[in-house]
Amino acid sequence: MYQPVKRLWTMSSPCWNRTLSRTRTSLSLAPGLRVTWLGHATVLVEMDGLISSQTQYSARGPPPSNSWVPKGTEGPPCTVEQLPRIDAVVISHSHYDHLDAGSVASLNAPLRRGATLVRAPGTVSPGHDDVTFVCTPSQHWSKRTALDDNKSLWGSWSILGPDHRFFFAGDTGYCASFQEIGRRFGPFDLAAIPIGAYLPRDMMQGQHVNPEEAVQVHQDLQAKQSVAIHWGTFALAYEYYLEPPVRLREVLEQKGLMPESFFTLHHGESRLISSQEDVFD
């Protein structure tokens, strides 16, 4: 089940905001671990010489609203063609805000050829065999049309490299599976965990974690650091779009955790998690 990957991209949402134009110059492949949030649940991850991501690069959200928040933004800051070469793409599930048909087509176009669409463990990207992709559980569902409820699977991804480990939750409610993932594949250097679209709670609890549960997932996974996803991009639920990061900071403080242990990024912003360093005995 080894995947030959150099650049990972998680498929779930569009590029945003001009800040990406400032970070794109730093998106060249480098040793270490770096993450760029491209909006909603799409992150571009540079890990162990690999670049990977999820796939939602559309300016439109899921029907029926097809809406972005906050109002007044200029939409996605980039196209798929403007991204660096992608080595692998992982898909969490079939919902429109996580799987955009146009983005998939663009990733398969000649300019992006060479990316591996990772749909199940065992997919191999030619030329690399030092990264393992493990499809792990999540608590969610799938639907794309009126007649295909739960006809396709959903899941999270544990991506295990020779020097770093990355976890991508995709979209999920809270469940005990995260403790098992942490025991079997942790600790993770970085986890991408959703924090938004959680109200009203009685309807959303089974499918979307709130910030309190997101921090519990972070702890279950034994993540050294986590990046918040699935907030501030599409209008999917009833909470104010800036509430999730505020509640996240409050929960971290209540639990005595450092703010940088579970951080948020602006759309298009990158953060270097670790770099190649000399090791002293």
Protein backbone atom coordinates (compact mmCIF):
# COMPACT_ATOMS: atom_id res chain seq x y z
CA MET A 1 0.00 0.00 0.00
CA TYR A 2 2.81 2.41 -0.72
CA GLN A 3 2.21 5.55 -2.68
CA PRO A 4 4.96 7.28 -4.66
CA VAL A 5 4.11 10.87 -4.00
CA LYS A 6 5.91 14.16 -3.79
CA ARG A 7 3.14 16.77 -3.56
CA LEU A 8 -0.17 16.21 -1.90
CA TRP A 9 -3.35 18.08 -2.46
CA THR A 10 -6.57 17.42 -0.57
CA MET A 11 -9.71 17.85 -2.53
CA SER A 12 -12.38 19.93 -0.96
CA SER A 13 -12.63 23.58 -1.85
CA PRO A 14 -11.62 26.54 -3.94
CA CYS A 15 -8.58 28.80 -3.97
CA TRP A 16 -9.17 32.20 -2.45
CA ASN A 17 -7.90 35.71 -2.01
CA ARG A 18 -4.88 37.56 -3.24
CA THR A 19 -2.73 36.32 -0.37
CA LEU A 20 -1.99 33.23 -2.45
CA SER A 21 -0.16 35.35 -5.00
CA ARG A 22 2.23 36.33 -2.24
CA THR A 23 2.74 32.76 -1.10
CA ARG A 24 2.96 31.14 -4.52
CA THR A 25 6.56 32.19 -4.90
CA SER A 26 7.34 30.03 -1.85
CA LEU A 27 5.49 26.99 -3.15
CA SER A 28 8.56 25.43 -4.70
CA LEU A 29 9.28 21.97 -3.38
CA ALA A 30 11.46 21.96 -0.29
CA PRO A 31 12.41 19.54 2.50
CA GLY A 32 10.17 19.52 5.54
CA LEU A 33 6.43 20.07 5.93
CA ARG A 34 4.44 23.07 4.75
CA VAL A 35 0.68 23.63 4.43
CA THR A 36 -1.30 26.19 2.41
CA TRP A 37 -5.03 26.65 3.02
CA LEU A 38 -6.85 27.23 -0.25
CA GLY A 39 -10.30 27.63 1.26
CA HIS A 40 -12.93 25.38 2.85
CA ALA A 41 -11.38 21.89 3.11
CA THR A 42 -8.76 22.20 0.40
CA VAL A 43 -5.18 22.27 1.59
CA LEU A 44 -1.96 22.06 -0.37
CA VAL A 45 0.58 20.02 1.57
CA GLU A 46 4.29 19.81 0.82
CA MET A 47 5.68 16.84 2.70
CA ASP A 48 8.84 14.78 2.34
CA GLY A 49 9.39 16.00 -1.21
CA LEU A 50 5.75 15.41 -2.17
CA ILE A 51 2.92 17.86 -2.89
CA SER A 52 -0.65 16.72 -2.37
CA SER A 53 -4.11 18.21 -2.03
CA GLN A 54 -7.89 17.72 -2.14
CA THR A 55 -10.04 18.93 -5.10
CA GLN A 56 -12.35 21.91 -4.96
CA TYR A 57 -11.08 24.82 -6.97
CA SER A 58 -14.42 26.23 -8.00
CA ALA A 59 -15.72 29.66 -7.06
CA ARG A 60 -19.12 28.20 -6.34
CA GLY A 61 -20.30 26.30 -3.32
CA PRO A 62 -22.74 23.42 -3.01
CA PRO A 63 -26.31 23.78 -4.23
CA PRO A 64 -28.74 25.23 -3.51
CA SER A 65 -26.95 28.31 -2.17
CA ASN A 66 -23.75 28.26 -4.28
CA SER A 67 -22.65 31.05 -1.98
CA TRP A 68 -19.36 32.23 -0.55
CA VAL A 69 -18.70 34.07 2.71
CA PRO A 70 -17.65 36.63 3.64
CA LYS A 71 -19.50 38.84 1.20
CA GLY A 72 -17.49 41.22 -0.93
CA THR A 73 -14.55 38.91 -1.65
CA GLU A 74 -13.27 38.59 -5.19
CA GLY A 75 -13.52 34.82 -5.38
CA PRO A 76 -10.77 32.27 -5.90
CA PRO A 77 -7.28 33.77 -6.24
CA CYS A 78 -5.93 31.14 -8.58
CA THR A 79 -6.74 28.41 -11.02
CA VAL A 80 -5.52 24.83 -10.95
CA GLU A 81 -3.10 25.72 -13.74
CA GLN A 82 -1.42 28.31 -11.52
CA LEU A 83 -0.53 25.75 -8.87
CA PRO A 84 2.81 23.92 -8.71
CA ARG A 85 2.94 20.39 -10.04
CA ILE A 86 0.73 18.14 -7.89
CA ASP A 87 1.89 14.60 -7.16
CA ALA A 88 -1.27 13.25 -5.52
CA VAL A 89 -4.88 14.22 -4.87
CA VAL A 90 -7.01 12.65 -2.14
CA ILE A 91 -10.82 12.73 -2.05
CA SER A 92 -12.79 12.50 1.19
CA HIS A 93 -16.33 12.14 -0.21
CA SER A 94 -18.73 13.15 -2.97
CA HIS A 95 -20.43 16.30 -1.61
CA TYR A 96 -20.22 19.30 -3.93
CA ASP A 97 -18.25 21.43 -1.49
CA HIS A 98 -15.56 18.73 -1.39
CA LEU A 99 -15.57 17.31 -4.92
CA ASP A 100 -15.85 19.73 -7.82
CA ALA A 101 -16.12 18.18 -11.28
CA GLY A 102 -14.43 21.10 -13.01
CA SER A 103 -11.49 20.95 -10.63
CA VAL A 104 -11.06 17.23 -11.27
CA ALA A 105 -11.11 17.86 -15.02
CA SER A 106 -8.50 20.60 -14.66
CA LEU A 107 -6.26 18.36 -12.57
CA ASN A 108 -6.46 15.73 -15.31
CA ALA A 109 -5.66 18.23 -18.07
CA PRO A 110 -2.24 18.13 -19.77
CA LEU A 111 -0.82 20.92 -17.63
CA ARG A 112 -1.52 18.95 -14.46
CA ARG A 113 -0.77 15.49 -15.87
CA GLY A 114 1.30 13.42 -13.52
CA ALA A 115 -0.91 13.86 -10.46
CA THR A 116 -2.24 10.66 -8.92
CA LEU A 117 -5.89 10.69 -7.89
CA VAL A 118 -5.80 8.68 -4.67
CA ARG A 119 -9.17 7.01 -4.22
CA ALA A 120 -8.12 3.94 -2.27
CA PRO A 121 -5.02 2.59 -0.57
CA GLY A 122 -2.63 1.04 -3.04
CA THR A 123 -2.71 3.77 -5.70
CA VAL A 124 0.83 4.41 -6.84
CA SER A 125 2.37 7.53 -8.31
CA PRO A 126 5.20 6.48 -10.62
CA GLY A 127 8.68 7.21 -9.38
CA HIS A 128 8.11 7.32 -5.61
CA ASP A 129 7.56 4.56 -3.10
CA ASP A 130 8.30 6.11 0.26
CA VAL A 131 4.88 7.54 1.18
CA THR A 132 1.94 5.41 2.32
CA PHE A 133 -1.68 6.54 1.91
CA VAL A 134 -4.08 4.91 4.36
CA CYS A 135 -7.83 5.47 3.94
CA THR A 136 -9.07 5.78 7.53
CA PRO A 137 -12.58 6.19 9.03
CA SER A 138 -14.66 9.31 9.44
CA GLN A 139 -18.29 9.82 10.46
CA HIS A 140 -20.12 11.35 7.53
CA TRP A 141 -22.24 10.46 4.47
CA SER A 142 -22.33 10.93 0.71
CA LYS A 143 -24.78 12.31 -1.83
CA ARG A 144 -24.52 13.93 -5.23
CA THR A 145 -27.96 13.58 -6.78
CA ALA A 146 -31.50 12.91 -5.58
CA LEU A 147 -31.04 9.16 -6.04
CA ASP A 148 -27.54 8.32 -4.79
CA ASP A 149 -27.67 8.70 -1.00
CA ASN A 150 -24.67 6.86 0.47
CA LYS A 151 -23.94 5.05 -2.80
CA SER A 152 -20.28 6.04 -2.52
CA LEU A 153 -17.94 5.80 0.44
CA TRP A 154 -16.32 8.53 2.54
CA GLY A 155 -13.29 8.63 4.77
CA SER A 156 -10.30 10.44 6.18
CA TRP A 157 -6.68 9.98 5.08
CA SER A 158 -3.52 9.18 7.02
CA ILE A 159 -0.50 10.01 4.90
CA LEU A 160 2.70 8.50 6.23
CA GLY A 161 6.05 9.65 4.91
CA PRO A 162 9.60 8.72 5.89
CA ASP A 163 10.00 11.91 7.94
CA HIS A 164 6.49 13.30 8.53
CA ARG A 165 2.91 12.17 9.07
CA PHE A 166 -0.14 14.13 7.92
CA PHE A 167 -3.82 13.48 8.69
CA PHE A 168 -6.68 14.83 6.59
CA ALA A 169 -10.11 14.58 8.22
CA GLY A 170 -12.13 15.84 5.24
CA ASP A 171 -15.60 16.20 6.78
CA THR A 172 -16.76 14.38 9.88
CA GLY A 173 -18.71 14.20 13.08
CA TYR A 174 -16.97 13.09 16.24
CA CYS A 175 -16.46 9.36 16.80
CA ALA A 176 -14.11 7.02 18.67
CA SER A 177 -12.33 6.11 15.44
CA PHE A 178 -9.97 9.05 15.88
CA GLN A 179 -8.54 7.51 19.04
CA GLU A 180 -7.81 4.31 17.12
CA ILE A 181 -6.25 6.26 14.23
CA GLY A 182 -4.03 8.07 16.72
CA ARG A 183 -2.96 4.80 18.31
CA ARG A 184 -2.24 3.05 15.01
CA PHE A 185 -0.75 5.85 12.91
CA GLY A 186 0.06 8.73 15.25
CA PRO A 187 1.56 10.88 16.41
CA PHE A 188 0.94 13.14 13.41
CA ASP A 189 3.11 16.14 12.65
CA LEU A 190 0.08 17.92 11.20
CA ALA A 191 -3.66 17.26 11.01
CA ALA A 192 -6.26 19.15 8.94
CA ILE A 193 -9.45 19.16 11.03
CA PRO A 194 -12.83 20.83 10.29
CA ILE A 195 -14.16 23.39 12.75
CA GLY A 196 -17.22 24.91 11.02
CA ALA A 197 -20.80 24.22 9.82
CA TYR A 198 -21.98 22.87 13.19
CA LEU A 199 -25.29 24.68 13.92
CA PRO A 200 -28.06 23.78 14.57
CA ARG A 201 -26.38 21.17 16.74
CA ASP A 202 -29.19 18.62 16.79
CA MET A 203 -29.03 18.37 12.99
CA MET A 204 -25.28 18.75 12.47
CA GLN A 205 -23.76 16.80 15.35
CA GLY A 206 -23.65 13.46 13.54
CA GLN A 207 -21.84 14.86 10.51
CA HIS A 208 -19.87 17.98 11.52
CA VAL A 209 -17.68 18.50 14.58
CA ASN A 210 -17.86 21.78 16.46
CA PRO A 211 -14.67 23.50 17.71
CA GLU A 212 -14.80 21.65 21.05
CA GLU A 213 -14.99 18.28 19.29
CA ALA A 214 -12.36 19.37 16.76
CA VAL A 215 -9.89 19.92 19.61
CA GLN A 216 -10.78 16.48 20.96
CA VAL A 217 -10.01 15.00 17.52
CA HIS A 218 -6.68 16.86 17.58
CA GLN A 219 -5.88 15.24 20.92
CA ASP A 220 -7.14 11.79 19.91
CA LEU A 221 -4.88 11.83 16.85
CA GLN A 222 -1.87 12.80 18.98
CA ALA A 223 -1.32 15.64 16.51
CA LYS A 224 1.64 17.89 17.23
CA GLN A 225 -0.13 20.67 15.32
CA SER A 226 -3.46 21.00 13.52
CA VAL A 227 -4.77 23.40 10.91
CA ALA A 228 -8.45 24.39 10.91
CA ILE A 229 -10.42 23.69 7.72
CA HIS A 230 -14.10 23.68 6.68
CA TRP A 231 -14.96 27.20 7.86
CA GLY A 232 -15.25 30.75 6.50
CA THR A 233 -15.67 29.81 2.85
CA PHE A 234 -19.14 28.45 2.04
CA ALA A 235 -22.42 29.31 3.79
CA LEU A 236 -23.37 25.83 5.00
CA ALA A 237 -24.86 26.28 8.48
CA TYR A 238 -26.31 28.79 10.92
CA GLU A 239 -23.31 29.97 12.93
CA TYR A 240 -21.69 33.30 12.04
CA TYR A 241 -18.82 32.57 9.69
CA LEU A 242 -16.17 34.03 12.03
CA GLU A 243 -17.45 32.22 15.13
CA PRO A 244 -15.56 28.91 14.64
CA PRO A 245 -12.01 30.32 15.07
CA VAL A 246 -13.12 32.36 18.10
CA ARG A 247 -14.56 29.27 19.77
CA LEU A 248 -11.48 27.29 18.80
CA ARG A 249 -9.20 29.75 20.61
CA GLU A 250 -11.47 29.64 23.67
CA VAL A 251 -11.37 25.84 23.81
CA LEU A 252 -7.59 25.75 23.46
CA GLU A 253 -7.27 28.21 26.35
CA GLN A 254 -9.69 26.22 28.50
CA LYS A 255 -7.69 23.04 27.91
CA GLY A 256 -4.35 24.73 28.53
CA LEU A 257 -3.17 24.19 24.95
CA MET A 258 -0.99 26.67 23.09
CA PRO A 259 -2.78 28.65 20.31
CA GLU A 260 -0.21 27.51 17.74
CA SER A 261 -1.03 23.85 18.45
CA PHE A 262 -4.30 24.25 16.49
CA PHE A 263 -4.11 27.27 14.22
CA THR A 264 -6.14 28.99 11.53
CA LEU A 265 -4.84 30.43 8.27
CA HIS A 266 -6.11 33.13 5.95
CA HIS A 267 -7.28 31.94 2.55
CA GLY A 268 -4.17 31.34 0.48
CA GLU A 269 -1.80 31.60 3.45
CA SER A 270 1.06 29.12 3.95
CA ARG A 271 2.78 27.97 7.13
CA LEU A 272 6.03 26.07 7.48
CA ILE A 273 5.47 23.36 10.06
CA SER A 274 8.97 21.92 10.05
CA SER A 275 12.10 22.23 7.98
CA GLN A 276 15.05 19.95 7.48
CA GLU A 277 17.35 20.53 10.43
CA ASP A 278 20.60 19.11 11.65
CA VAL A 279 20.20 16.60 14.44
CA PHE A 280 22.64 16.71 17.37
CA ASP A 281 23.20 13.69 19.57
